[in-house]
């Protein structure tokens, strides 16, 4: 395909932000901090969906995502996330 500009990538949703070169590391750290606050099991499943799914047909990738999501449904972290959301509190994920 053809290269696209950063602004076009932002406009179509391929990227979440466009920042000046001098701010790239600060923005990357901000995103890393946000990811680290998420449930580790969910982050691991998301990473697996992205790394494995990139090589799959769309339908197979969606099935993989569904399997990964349902594999989290009975975890302590899943319940903690729902409970924290209903209490409007920060979750305390344990990776279980």
N, C-alpha and C. Protein backbone atom coordinates (compact mmCIF):
# COMPACT_ATOMS: atom_id res chain seq x y z
N UNK A 1 0.81 -1.19 0.00
CA UNK A 1 0.00 0.00 0.00
C UNK A 1 0.85 1.25 0.00
N UNK A 2 0.19 2.32 -0.12
CA UNK A 2 0.83 3.64 -0.13
C UNK A 2 1.01 4.17 1.28
N UNK A 3 2.12 4.85 1.54
CA UNK A 3 2.28 5.50 2.85
C UNK A 3 1.22 6.58 3.04
N UNK A 4 0.81 6.80 4.30
CA UNK A 4 -0.12 7.89 4.59
C UNK A 4 0.51 8.79 5.64
N UNK A 5 0.01 10.00 5.72
CA UNK A 5 0.56 10.95 6.69
C UNK A 5 0.07 10.61 8.10
N UNK A 6 0.77 11.15 9.07
CA UNK A 6 0.36 10.95 10.47
C UNK A 6 -1.04 11.50 10.70
N UNK A 7 -1.35 12.64 10.12
CA UNK A 7 -2.68 13.23 10.30
C UNK A 7 -3.76 12.36 9.67
N UNK A 8 -3.49 11.78 8.51
CA UNK A 8 -4.46 10.87 7.90
C UNK A 8 -4.64 9.62 8.75
N UNK A 9 -3.54 9.10 9.31
CA UNK A 9 -3.63 7.93 10.19
C UNK A 9 -4.49 8.24 11.41
N UNK A 10 -4.33 9.44 11.94
CA UNK A 10 -5.15 9.86 13.09
C UNK A 10 -6.62 9.98 12.68
N UNK A 11 -6.86 10.59 11.55
CA UNK A 11 -8.23 10.81 11.08
C UNK A 11 -8.99 9.51 10.88
N UNK A 12 -8.32 8.47 10.38
CA UNK A 12 -9.01 7.20 10.11
C UNK A 12 -8.92 6.22 11.27
N UNK A 13 -8.28 6.63 12.37
CA UNK A 13 -8.26 5.79 13.56
C UNK A 13 -7.15 4.76 13.63
N UNK A 14 -6.13 4.89 12.80
CA UNK A 14 -5.00 3.95 12.87
C UNK A 14 -4.08 4.25 14.04
N UNK A 15 -4.07 5.49 14.49
CA UNK A 15 -3.26 5.90 15.64
C UNK A 15 -4.15 6.69 16.59
N UNK A 16 -3.75 6.74 17.86
CA UNK A 16 -4.53 7.46 18.88
C UNK A 16 -4.09 8.89 19.06
N UNK A 17 -2.87 9.21 18.66
CA UNK A 17 -2.36 10.56 18.85
C UNK A 17 -1.22 10.82 17.87
N UNK A 18 -1.06 12.08 17.54
CA UNK A 18 0.09 12.55 16.77
C UNK A 18 0.75 13.61 17.63
N UNK A 19 2.02 13.40 17.94
CA UNK A 19 2.73 14.34 18.82
C UNK A 19 4.03 14.77 18.15
N UNK A 20 4.55 15.93 18.55
CA UNK A 20 5.85 16.35 18.01
C UNK A 20 6.94 15.35 18.41
N UNK A 21 7.98 15.26 17.61
CA UNK A 21 9.06 14.31 17.86
C UNK A 21 9.63 14.44 19.27
N UNK A 22 9.72 15.66 19.77
CA UNK A 22 10.28 15.88 21.10
C UNK A 22 9.40 15.31 22.21
N UNK A 23 8.13 15.04 21.92
CA UNK A 23 7.19 14.55 22.94
C UNK A 23 6.90 13.06 22.81
N UNK A 24 7.54 12.38 21.86
CA UNK A 24 7.22 10.97 21.61
C UNK A 24 7.45 10.10 22.84
N UNK A 25 8.59 10.24 23.50
CA UNK A 25 8.88 9.39 24.67
C UNK A 25 7.92 9.67 25.81
N UNK A 26 7.58 10.93 26.05
CA UNK A 26 6.61 11.24 27.11
C UNK A 26 5.26 10.62 26.80
N UNK A 27 4.84 10.69 25.55
CA UNK A 27 3.55 10.10 25.15
C UNK A 27 3.60 8.58 25.25
N UNK A 28 4.72 7.98 24.86
CA UNK A 28 4.87 6.52 24.97
C UNK A 28 4.81 6.09 26.43
N UNK A 29 5.45 6.85 27.31
CA UNK A 29 5.40 6.52 28.74
C UNK A 29 3.99 6.66 29.30
N UNK A 30 3.28 7.68 28.83
CA UNK A 30 1.89 7.87 29.28
C UNK A 30 1.05 6.67 28.88
N UNK A 31 1.20 6.20 27.64
CA UNK A 31 0.46 5.02 27.18
C UNK A 31 0.87 3.78 27.94
N UNK A 32 2.17 3.62 28.20
CA UNK A 32 2.65 2.46 28.96
C UNK A 32 2.05 2.46 30.35
N UNK A 33 1.96 3.63 30.97
CA UNK A 33 1.36 3.73 32.30
C UNK A 33 -0.11 3.32 32.27
N UNK A 34 -0.84 3.76 31.26
CA UNK A 34 -2.25 3.38 31.13
C UNK A 34 -2.40 1.86 30.97
N UNK A 35 -1.55 1.26 30.15
CA UNK A 35 -1.61 -0.19 29.93
C UNK A 35 -1.28 -0.94 31.22
N UNK A 36 -0.29 -0.45 31.95
CA UNK A 36 0.12 -1.13 33.20
C UNK A 36 -0.97 -1.09 34.26
N UNK A 37 -1.90 -0.16 34.16
CA UNK A 37 -3.00 -0.07 35.13
C UNK A 37 -4.14 -1.01 34.78
N UNK A 38 -4.08 -1.64 33.64
CA UNK A 38 -5.12 -2.59 33.23
C UNK A 38 -4.81 -3.96 33.82
N UNK A 39 -5.79 -4.82 33.77
CA UNK A 39 -5.61 -6.18 34.29
C UNK A 39 -4.56 -6.92 33.49
N UNK A 40 -3.59 -7.53 34.16
CA UNK A 40 -2.51 -8.20 33.43
C UNK A 40 -3.00 -9.36 32.56
N UNK A 41 -4.04 -10.05 32.98
CA UNK A 41 -4.57 -11.14 32.16
C UNK A 41 -5.20 -10.59 30.88
N UNK A 42 -5.91 -9.48 31.01
CA UNK A 42 -6.53 -8.86 29.84
C UNK A 42 -5.48 -8.29 28.90
N UNK A 43 -4.44 -7.70 29.45
CA UNK A 43 -3.35 -7.17 28.61
C UNK A 43 -2.69 -8.32 27.86
N UNK A 44 -2.42 -9.41 28.55
CA UNK A 44 -1.79 -10.58 27.91
C UNK A 44 -2.69 -11.13 26.80
N UNK A 45 -4.00 -11.22 27.07
CA UNK A 45 -4.93 -11.73 26.05
C UNK A 45 -4.99 -10.78 24.86
N UNK A 46 -4.99 -9.48 25.12
CA UNK A 46 -5.01 -8.50 24.02
C UNK A 46 -3.76 -8.62 23.17
N UNK A 47 -2.62 -8.78 23.82
CA UNK A 47 -1.36 -8.92 23.10
C UNK A 47 -1.37 -10.18 22.24
N UNK A 48 -1.89 -11.28 22.80
CA UNK A 48 -1.99 -12.53 22.04
C UNK A 48 -2.92 -12.36 20.84
N UNK A 49 -4.05 -11.69 21.05
CA UNK A 49 -4.99 -11.47 19.95
C UNK A 49 -4.33 -10.67 18.82
N UNK A 50 -3.53 -9.68 19.19
CA UNK A 50 -2.87 -8.86 18.17
C UNK A 50 -1.76 -9.62 17.46
N UNK A 51 -0.91 -10.29 18.23
CA UNK A 51 0.24 -10.96 17.61
C UNK A 51 -0.17 -12.20 16.81
N UNK A 52 -1.12 -12.97 17.33
CA UNK A 52 -1.57 -14.16 16.60
C UNK A 52 -2.58 -13.80 15.52
N UNK A 53 -3.44 -12.84 15.82
CA UNK A 53 -4.52 -12.49 14.90
C UNK A 53 -4.06 -11.83 13.62
N UNK A 54 -2.90 -11.18 13.65
CA UNK A 54 -2.41 -10.47 12.47
C UNK A 54 -2.18 -11.42 11.30
N UNK A 55 -1.91 -12.68 11.62
CA UNK A 55 -1.63 -13.69 10.59
C UNK A 55 -2.88 -14.45 10.15
N UNK A 56 -4.04 -14.11 10.72
CA UNK A 56 -5.26 -14.87 10.46
C UNK A 56 -6.22 -14.12 9.55
N UNK A 57 -7.10 -14.87 8.94
CA UNK A 57 -8.22 -14.25 8.25
C UNK A 57 -9.09 -13.56 9.29
N UNK A 58 -9.84 -12.55 8.89
CA UNK A 58 -10.64 -11.76 9.81
C UNK A 58 -11.55 -12.63 10.67
N UNK A 59 -12.26 -13.56 10.06
CA UNK A 59 -13.19 -14.40 10.81
C UNK A 59 -12.47 -15.23 11.87
N UNK A 60 -11.32 -15.77 11.52
CA UNK A 60 -10.54 -16.56 12.48
C UNK A 60 -10.00 -15.67 13.60
N UNK A 61 -9.57 -14.47 13.26
CA UNK A 61 -9.09 -13.53 14.28
C UNK A 61 -10.18 -13.15 15.25
N UNK A 62 -11.39 -12.94 14.74
CA UNK A 62 -12.52 -12.61 15.62
C UNK A 62 -12.87 -13.78 16.54
N UNK A 63 -12.77 -14.99 16.01
CA UNK A 63 -13.02 -16.18 16.85
C UNK A 63 -11.96 -16.29 17.95
N UNK A 64 -10.72 -15.99 17.61
CA UNK A 64 -9.65 -16.00 18.61
C UNK A 64 -9.95 -14.99 19.70
N UNK A 65 -10.32 -13.77 19.32
CA UNK A 65 -10.65 -12.75 20.31
C UNK A 65 -11.79 -13.20 21.22
N UNK A 66 -12.80 -13.83 20.64
CA UNK A 66 -13.93 -14.31 21.43
C UNK A 66 -13.48 -15.38 22.43
N UNK A 67 -12.66 -16.32 21.98
CA UNK A 67 -12.15 -17.36 22.89
C UNK A 67 -11.34 -16.75 24.02
N UNK A 68 -10.50 -15.79 23.69
CA UNK A 68 -9.68 -15.15 24.72
C UNK A 68 -10.55 -14.39 25.71
N UNK A 69 -11.55 -13.67 25.22
CA UNK A 69 -12.45 -12.93 26.10
C UNK A 69 -13.16 -13.88 27.06
N UNK A 70 -13.73 -14.95 26.53
CA UNK A 70 -14.46 -15.88 27.38
C UNK A 70 -13.54 -16.61 28.36
N UNK A 71 -12.27 -16.76 28.00
CA UNK A 71 -11.34 -17.40 28.93
C UNK A 71 -11.07 -16.52 30.15
N UNK A 72 -11.36 -15.24 30.06
CA UNK A 72 -11.15 -14.32 31.19
C UNK A 72 -12.37 -14.21 32.09
N UNK A 73 -13.53 -14.65 31.62
CA UNK A 73 -14.79 -14.39 32.31
C UNK A 73 -14.87 -14.97 33.72
N UNK A 74 -14.16 -16.03 34.00
CA UNK A 74 -14.22 -16.65 35.33
C UNK A 74 -13.01 -16.34 36.19
N UNK A 75 -12.25 -15.33 35.82
CA UNK A 75 -11.06 -14.99 36.60
C UNK A 75 -11.40 -14.01 37.72
N UNK A 76 -10.56 -14.01 38.74
CA UNK A 76 -10.72 -13.04 39.83
C UNK A 76 -10.60 -11.62 39.30
N UNK A 77 -9.67 -11.40 38.38
CA UNK A 77 -9.47 -10.05 37.84
C UNK A 77 -10.71 -9.55 37.10
N UNK A 78 -11.38 -10.43 36.37
CA UNK A 78 -12.59 -10.04 35.65
C UNK A 78 -13.64 -9.56 36.65
N UNK A 79 -13.83 -10.35 37.70
CA UNK A 79 -14.82 -9.99 38.73
C UNK A 79 -14.41 -8.70 39.44
N UNK A 80 -13.12 -8.55 39.71
CA UNK A 80 -12.62 -7.33 40.35
C UNK A 80 -12.87 -6.12 39.46
N UNK A 81 -12.65 -6.26 38.18
CA UNK A 81 -12.88 -5.15 37.25
C UNK A 81 -14.34 -4.74 37.21
N UNK A 82 -15.24 -5.71 37.16
CA UNK A 82 -16.68 -5.39 37.17
C UNK A 82 -17.09 -4.73 38.48
N UNK A 83 -16.60 -5.28 39.58
CA UNK A 83 -16.94 -4.72 40.89
C UNK A 83 -16.42 -3.30 41.03
N UNK A 84 -15.18 -3.07 40.64
CA UNK A 84 -14.60 -1.73 40.74
C UNK A 84 -15.35 -0.75 39.85
N UNK A 85 -15.74 -1.20 38.66
CA UNK A 85 -16.50 -0.33 37.76
C UNK A 85 -17.82 0.07 38.39
N UNK A 86 -18.52 -0.90 39.00
CA UNK A 86 -19.82 -0.59 39.60
C UNK A 86 -19.68 0.33 40.81
N UNK A 87 -18.53 0.26 41.49
CA UNK A 87 -18.28 1.13 42.65
C UNK A 87 -17.61 2.44 42.25
N UNK A 88 -17.29 2.56 40.97
CA UNK A 88 -16.53 3.72 40.48
C UNK A 88 -15.21 3.87 41.24
N UNK A 89 -14.53 2.74 41.41
CA UNK A 89 -13.27 2.70 42.15
C UNK A 89 -12.17 2.14 41.24
N UNK A 90 -10.93 2.33 41.65
CA UNK A 90 -9.81 1.74 40.92
C UNK A 90 -9.73 0.25 41.24
N UNK A 91 -9.61 -0.60 40.22
CA UNK A 91 -9.51 -2.04 40.48
C UNK A 91 -8.15 -2.41 41.06
N UNK A 92 -8.13 -3.49 41.80
CA UNK A 92 -6.89 -4.03 42.35
C UNK A 92 -6.66 -5.40 41.71
N UNK A 93 -6.08 -5.40 40.51
CA UNK A 93 -5.87 -6.63 39.77
C UNK A 93 -4.72 -7.43 40.37
N UNK A 94 -4.88 -8.76 40.36
CA UNK A 94 -3.87 -9.64 40.93
C UNK A 94 -3.29 -10.63 39.92
N UNK A 95 -3.79 -10.60 38.70
CA UNK A 95 -3.28 -11.53 37.69
C UNK A 95 -3.80 -12.94 37.87
N UNK A 96 -4.98 -13.06 38.50
CA UNK A 96 -5.59 -14.38 38.70
C UNK A 96 -7.04 -14.35 38.22
